Amino acid sequence: MADAPMNGLAIQARTVANFLPLSVRRAGANIVHNVDDKHTGIRVDTKRGPIVLEIPTGDAPYRLVYQLPEPNETGRTEVEMRRFPQIYKPQGIAHIMGEFLQSRGFLS
């Protein structure tokens, strides 16, 4: 996992990343801090493209986002695939992310 600034969101992202299934880790999970989009998360470079689990701020939900290699015809650069509330522990978040990626064919 790549290093990220150690703020509260980065610590939370690293905690979730520590529980990711091996298949997700092998795909290349990294902690990212995107200053332009103002989010910290876990980026996984899957065989179908990068997926980012955005760590929420405040009461916002976790977002699992597919980053498009190029903007689509409407100019979008990402597609939100799933949201889930902050009621889960880090182990649960990692499990949900791993199962979602595996069941949708993002992991080999």
N, C-alpha and C. Protein backbone atom coordinates (compact mmCIF):
# COMPACT_ATOMS: atom_id res chain seq x y z
N MET A 1 0.83 -1.18 0.00
CA MET A 1 0.00 0.00 0.00
C MET A 1 0.88 1.24 0.00
N ALA A 2 0.51 2.20 -0.80
CA ALA A 2 1.29 3.44 -0.90
C ALA A 2 1.02 4.31 0.32
N ASP A 3 1.99 5.18 0.62
CA ASP A 3 1.83 6.07 1.75
C ASP A 3 0.89 7.21 1.40
N ALA A 4 0.15 7.67 2.40
CA ALA A 4 -0.76 8.79 2.24
C ALA A 4 -0.55 9.71 3.43
N PRO A 5 -0.98 10.95 3.32
CA PRO A 5 -0.87 11.84 4.48
C PRO A 5 -1.62 11.22 5.65
N MET A 6 -1.04 11.30 6.82
CA MET A 6 -1.65 10.64 7.98
C MET A 6 -2.63 11.58 8.69
N ASN A 7 -3.73 11.87 8.04
CA ASN A 7 -4.81 12.59 8.69
C ASN A 7 -5.86 11.55 9.10
N GLY A 8 -6.94 11.97 9.67
CA GLY A 8 -7.97 11.04 10.12
C GLY A 8 -8.54 10.17 9.03
N LEU A 9 -8.77 10.74 7.85
CA LEU A 9 -9.31 9.96 6.75
C LEU A 9 -8.31 8.92 6.25
N ALA A 10 -7.03 9.31 6.19
CA ALA A 10 -6.00 8.36 5.74
C ALA A 10 -5.86 7.21 6.73
N ILE A 11 -5.96 7.49 7.99
CA ILE A 11 -5.89 6.44 9.01
C ILE A 11 -7.08 5.50 8.85
N GLN A 12 -8.26 6.05 8.63
CA GLN A 12 -9.46 5.24 8.42
C GLN A 12 -9.31 4.38 7.16
N ALA A 13 -8.78 4.97 6.07
CA ALA A 13 -8.58 4.23 4.83
C ALA A 13 -7.58 3.09 5.05
N ARG A 14 -6.50 3.35 5.74
CA ARG A 14 -5.50 2.32 6.01
C ARG A 14 -6.08 1.20 6.87
N THR A 15 -6.92 1.55 7.83
CA THR A 15 -7.55 0.54 8.68
C THR A 15 -8.43 -0.38 7.85
N VAL A 16 -9.24 0.17 6.95
CA VAL A 16 -10.07 -0.64 6.07
C VAL A 16 -9.18 -1.48 5.15
N ALA A 17 -8.14 -0.87 4.58
CA ALA A 17 -7.24 -1.57 3.65
C ALA A 17 -6.58 -2.77 4.30
N ASN A 18 -6.30 -2.69 5.58
CA ASN A 18 -5.67 -3.81 6.29
C ASN A 18 -6.56 -5.04 6.32
N PHE A 19 -7.86 -4.89 6.15
CA PHE A 19 -8.80 -6.01 6.18
C PHE A 19 -9.25 -6.46 4.79
N LEU A 20 -8.73 -5.84 3.73
CA LEU A 20 -9.15 -6.22 2.39
C LEU A 20 -8.76 -7.67 2.09
N PRO A 21 -9.62 -8.38 1.36
CA PRO A 21 -9.29 -9.75 0.97
C PRO A 21 -8.02 -9.76 0.09
N LEU A 22 -7.34 -10.89 0.09
CA LEU A 22 -6.10 -11.03 -0.67
C LEU A 22 -6.30 -10.74 -2.16
N SER A 23 -7.44 -11.13 -2.71
CA SER A 23 -7.69 -10.89 -4.15
C SER A 23 -7.70 -9.40 -4.46
N VAL A 24 -8.20 -8.58 -3.54
CA VAL A 24 -8.22 -7.13 -3.75
C VAL A 24 -6.81 -6.57 -3.59
N ARG A 25 -6.07 -7.05 -2.61
CA ARG A 25 -4.69 -6.59 -2.41
C ARG A 25 -3.83 -6.92 -3.61
N ARG A 26 -4.01 -8.11 -4.18
CA ARG A 26 -3.23 -8.51 -5.35
C ARG A 26 -3.54 -7.65 -6.56
N ALA A 27 -4.75 -7.13 -6.64
CA ALA A 27 -5.13 -6.25 -7.76
C ALA A 27 -4.44 -4.90 -7.66
N GLY A 28 -3.85 -4.60 -6.52
CA GLY A 28 -3.12 -3.35 -6.37
C GLY A 28 -3.89 -2.29 -5.62
N ALA A 29 -4.21 -2.53 -4.36
CA ALA A 29 -4.93 -1.55 -3.55
C ALA A 29 -3.95 -0.53 -2.99
N ASN A 30 -4.26 0.75 -3.15
CA ASN A 30 -3.42 1.84 -2.66
C ASN A 30 -4.29 2.89 -1.98
N ILE A 31 -3.72 3.52 -0.97
CA ILE A 31 -4.38 4.65 -0.32
C ILE A 31 -4.12 5.88 -1.19
N VAL A 32 -5.17 6.62 -1.52
CA VAL A 32 -5.02 7.82 -2.34
C VAL A 32 -5.64 9.02 -1.63
N HIS A 33 -5.04 10.17 -1.87
CA HIS A 33 -5.58 11.42 -1.35
C HIS A 33 -5.68 12.37 -2.54
N ASN A 34 -6.89 12.57 -3.04
CA ASN A 34 -7.11 13.39 -4.23
C ASN A 34 -7.50 14.80 -3.79
N VAL A 35 -6.56 15.71 -3.93
CA VAL A 35 -6.79 17.09 -3.52
C VAL A 35 -7.83 17.77 -4.41
N ASP A 36 -7.80 17.48 -5.72
CA ASP A 36 -8.74 18.11 -6.65
C ASP A 36 -10.18 17.72 -6.36
N ASP A 37 -10.42 16.42 -6.16
CA ASP A 37 -11.78 15.94 -5.89
C ASP A 37 -12.12 15.96 -4.40
N LYS A 38 -11.16 16.34 -3.60
CA LYS A 38 -11.34 16.46 -2.14
C LYS A 38 -11.84 15.15 -1.51
N HIS A 39 -11.11 14.06 -1.77
CA HIS A 39 -11.44 12.82 -1.10
C HIS A 39 -10.19 11.99 -0.82
N THR A 40 -10.29 11.17 0.19
CA THR A 40 -9.28 10.18 0.52
C THR A 40 -9.95 8.84 0.37
N GLY A 41 -9.22 7.87 -0.14
CA GLY A 41 -9.85 6.57 -0.35
C GLY A 41 -8.85 5.47 -0.63
N ILE A 42 -9.41 4.34 -1.05
CA ILE A 42 -8.62 3.18 -1.42
C ILE A 42 -8.87 2.94 -2.90
N ARG A 43 -7.81 2.98 -3.68
CA ARG A 43 -7.92 2.77 -5.13
C ARG A 43 -7.42 1.37 -5.45
N VAL A 44 -8.21 0.64 -6.24
CA VAL A 44 -7.85 -0.70 -6.67
C VAL A 44 -7.81 -0.70 -8.19
N ASP A 45 -6.66 -1.06 -8.74
CA ASP A 45 -6.51 -1.10 -10.20
C ASP A 45 -6.94 -2.48 -10.69
N THR A 46 -8.21 -2.62 -11.00
CA THR A 46 -8.77 -3.90 -11.42
C THR A 46 -8.53 -4.13 -12.91
N LYS A 47 -8.87 -5.32 -13.38
CA LYS A 47 -8.69 -5.63 -14.80
C LYS A 47 -9.63 -4.84 -15.69
N ARG A 48 -10.68 -4.27 -15.13
CA ARG A 48 -11.63 -3.47 -15.90
C ARG A 48 -11.49 -1.98 -15.65
N GLY A 49 -10.45 -1.59 -14.91
CA GLY A 49 -10.22 -0.19 -14.63
C GLY A 49 -10.19 0.10 -13.15
N PRO A 50 -9.79 1.32 -12.77
CA PRO A 50 -9.66 1.67 -11.37
C PRO A 50 -11.00 1.86 -10.66
N ILE A 51 -11.05 1.32 -9.45
CA ILE A 51 -12.20 1.48 -8.56
C ILE A 51 -11.70 2.17 -7.30
N VAL A 52 -12.45 3.15 -6.80
CA VAL A 52 -12.05 3.87 -5.60
C VAL A 52 -13.16 3.76 -4.55
N LEU A 53 -12.76 3.35 -3.35
CA LEU A 53 -13.67 3.41 -2.20
C LEU A 53 -13.37 4.73 -1.52
N GLU A 54 -14.30 5.68 -1.61
CA GLU A 54 -14.11 6.99 -1.00
C GLU A 54 -14.49 6.94 0.47
N ILE A 55 -13.56 7.38 1.31
CA ILE A 55 -13.79 7.43 2.75
C ILE A 55 -14.65 8.66 3.03
N PRO A 56 -15.77 8.48 3.73
CA PRO A 56 -16.69 9.61 3.93
C PRO A 56 -16.21 10.61 4.97
N THR A 57 -16.71 11.82 4.81
CA THR A 57 -16.51 12.85 5.83
C THR A 57 -17.87 13.15 6.44
N GLY A 58 -17.88 13.48 7.69
CA GLY A 58 -19.14 13.77 8.38
C GLY A 58 -20.05 12.55 8.39
N ASP A 59 -21.33 12.74 8.04
CA ASP A 59 -22.31 11.65 8.04
C ASP A 59 -22.52 11.05 6.65
N ALA A 60 -21.72 11.44 5.69
CA ALA A 60 -21.88 10.94 4.32
C ALA A 60 -21.62 9.43 4.26
N PRO A 61 -22.18 8.75 3.29
CA PRO A 61 -21.94 7.31 3.14
C PRO A 61 -20.61 7.04 2.43
N TYR A 62 -20.13 5.80 2.55
CA TYR A 62 -19.01 5.34 1.74
C TYR A 62 -19.50 5.29 0.30
N ARG A 63 -18.62 5.59 -0.64
CA ARG A 63 -18.97 5.50 -2.06
C ARG A 63 -17.96 4.62 -2.77
N LEU A 64 -18.45 3.70 -3.58
CA LEU A 64 -17.59 2.87 -4.42
C LEU A 64 -17.74 3.41 -5.83
N VAL A 65 -16.66 3.93 -6.39
CA VAL A 65 -16.70 4.68 -7.65
C VAL A 65 -15.79 4.03 -8.69
N TYR A 66 -16.33 3.85 -9.90
CA TYR A 66 -15.56 3.35 -11.03
C TYR A 66 -15.04 4.56 -11.80
N GLN A 67 -13.71 4.67 -11.92
CA GLN A 67 -13.13 5.80 -12.63
C GLN A 67 -12.96 5.43 -14.10
N LEU A 68 -13.60 6.20 -14.95
CA LEU A 68 -13.55 5.94 -16.39
C LEU A 68 -12.18 6.34 -16.95
N PRO A 69 -11.63 5.54 -17.89
CA PRO A 69 -10.32 5.89 -18.46
C PRO A 69 -10.36 7.21 -19.22
N GLU A 70 -11.50 7.50 -19.85
CA GLU A 70 -11.69 8.77 -20.55
C GLU A 70 -13.11 9.24 -20.28
N PRO A 71 -13.36 10.54 -20.32
CA PRO A 71 -14.73 11.02 -20.11
C PRO A 71 -15.69 10.39 -21.12
N ASN A 72 -16.89 10.05 -20.65
CA ASN A 72 -17.89 9.47 -21.57
C ASN A 72 -18.53 10.59 -22.39
N GLU A 73 -19.54 10.23 -23.17
CA GLU A 73 -20.16 11.21 -24.08
C GLU A 73 -20.78 12.40 -23.35
N THR A 74 -21.14 12.23 -22.09
CA THR A 74 -21.70 13.35 -21.32
C THR A 74 -20.65 14.09 -20.51
N GLY A 75 -19.37 13.64 -20.61
CA GLY A 75 -18.30 14.32 -19.90
C GLY A 75 -18.00 13.77 -18.50
N ARG A 76 -18.72 12.74 -18.10
CA ARG A 76 -18.49 12.16 -16.77
C ARG A 76 -17.17 11.40 -16.76
N THR A 77 -16.45 11.49 -15.65
CA THR A 77 -15.18 10.78 -15.51
C THR A 77 -15.26 9.66 -14.50
N GLU A 78 -16.41 9.52 -13.84
CA GLU A 78 -16.59 8.46 -12.86
C GLU A 78 -18.05 8.04 -12.80
N VAL A 79 -18.24 6.79 -12.35
CA VAL A 79 -19.59 6.27 -12.20
C VAL A 79 -19.70 5.70 -10.79
N GLU A 80 -20.65 6.21 -10.02
CA GLU A 80 -20.86 5.67 -8.67
C GLU A 80 -21.57 4.33 -8.80
N MET A 81 -20.96 3.29 -8.23
CA MET A 81 -21.52 1.95 -8.34
C MET A 81 -22.29 1.53 -7.10
N ARG A 82 -21.90 2.04 -5.95
CA ARG A 82 -22.58 1.62 -4.73
C ARG A 82 -22.30 2.63 -3.63
N ARG A 83 -23.28 2.78 -2.75
CA ARG A 83 -23.15 3.57 -1.51
C ARG A 83 -23.51 2.67 -0.36
N PHE A 84 -22.86 2.86 0.78
CA PHE A 84 -23.30 2.15 1.97
C PHE A 84 -22.99 3.00 3.19
N PRO A 85 -23.84 2.93 4.21
CA PRO A 85 -23.74 3.80 5.37
C PRO A 85 -22.53 3.47 6.25
N GLN A 86 -22.24 4.39 7.14
CA GLN A 86 -21.10 4.24 8.04
C GLN A 86 -21.40 3.34 9.24
N ILE A 87 -22.40 2.50 9.16
CA ILE A 87 -22.75 1.65 10.30
C ILE A 87 -21.85 0.43 10.42
N TYR A 88 -21.04 0.15 9.39
CA TYR A 88 -20.19 -1.03 9.39
C TYR A 88 -18.81 -0.74 9.97
N LYS A 89 -18.22 -1.76 10.59
CA LYS A 89 -16.84 -1.67 11.07
C LYS A 89 -15.90 -1.79 9.88
N PRO A 90 -14.61 -1.46 10.05
CA PRO A 90 -13.66 -1.56 8.94
C PRO A 90 -13.63 -2.95 8.29
N GLN A 91 -13.76 -4.00 9.07
CA GLN A 91 -13.78 -5.35 8.51
C GLN A 91 -14.97 -5.53 7.57
N GLY A 92 -16.11 -4.99 7.95
CA GLY A 92 -17.32 -5.09 7.14
C GLY A 92 -17.20 -4.30 5.85
N ILE A 93 -16.61 -3.11 5.92
CA ILE A 93 -16.40 -2.28 4.73
C ILE A 93 -15.49 -3.01 3.75
N ALA A 94 -14.39 -3.57 4.25
CA ALA A 94 -13.46 -4.31 3.40
C ALA A 94 -14.13 -5.53 2.78
N HIS A 95 -14.96 -6.21 3.55
CA HIS A 95 -15.66 -7.39 3.04
C HIS A 95 -16.66 -7.00 1.94
N ILE A 96 -17.44 -5.96 2.18
CA ILE A 96 -18.41 -5.48 1.19
C ILE A 96 -17.70 -5.10 -0.11
N MET A 97 -16.60 -4.38 0.01
CA MET A 97 -15.86 -3.96 -1.18
C MET A 97 -15.33 -5.18 -1.94
N GLY A 98 -14.71 -6.10 -1.23
CA GLY A 98 -14.15 -7.30 -1.86
C GLY A 98 -15.21 -8.14 -2.54
N GLU A 99 -16.34 -8.35 -1.88
CA GLU A 99 -17.42 -9.15 -2.45
C GLU A 99 -18.03 -8.47 -3.68
N PHE A 100 -18.17 -7.17 -3.61
CA PHE A 100 -18.74 -6.43 -4.73
C PHE A 100 -17.84 -6.55 -5.96
N LEU A 101 -16.54 -6.34 -5.78
CA LEU A 101 -15.61 -6.41 -6.90
C LEU A 101 -15.52 -7.82 -7.47
N GLN A 102 -15.52 -8.82 -6.61
CA GLN A 102 -15.46 -10.22 -7.06
C GLN A 102 -16.72 -10.62 -7.81
N SER A 103 -17.88 -10.28 -7.27
CA SER A 103 -19.14 -10.70 -7.87
C SER A 103 -19.45 -9.97 -9.18
N ARG A 104 -18.86 -8.80 -9.41
CA ARG A 104 -19.10 -8.03 -10.64
C ARG A 104 -18.03 -8.25 -11.69
N GLY A 105 -17.08 -9.16 -11.43
CA GLY A 105 -16.06 -9.50 -12.41
C GLY A 105 -14.91 -8.52 -12.53
N PHE A 106 -14.67 -7.71 -11.50
CA PHE A 106 -13.57 -6.78 -11.55
C PHE A 106 -12.23 -7.43 -11.18
N LEU A 107 -12.30 -8.54 -10.45
CA LEU A 107 -11.09 -9.23 -10.03
C LEU A 107 -10.94 -10.54 -10.77
N SER A 108 -9.68 -10.94 -11.01
CA SER A 108 -9.47 -12.22 -11.72
C SER A 108 -9.37 -13.38 -10.75
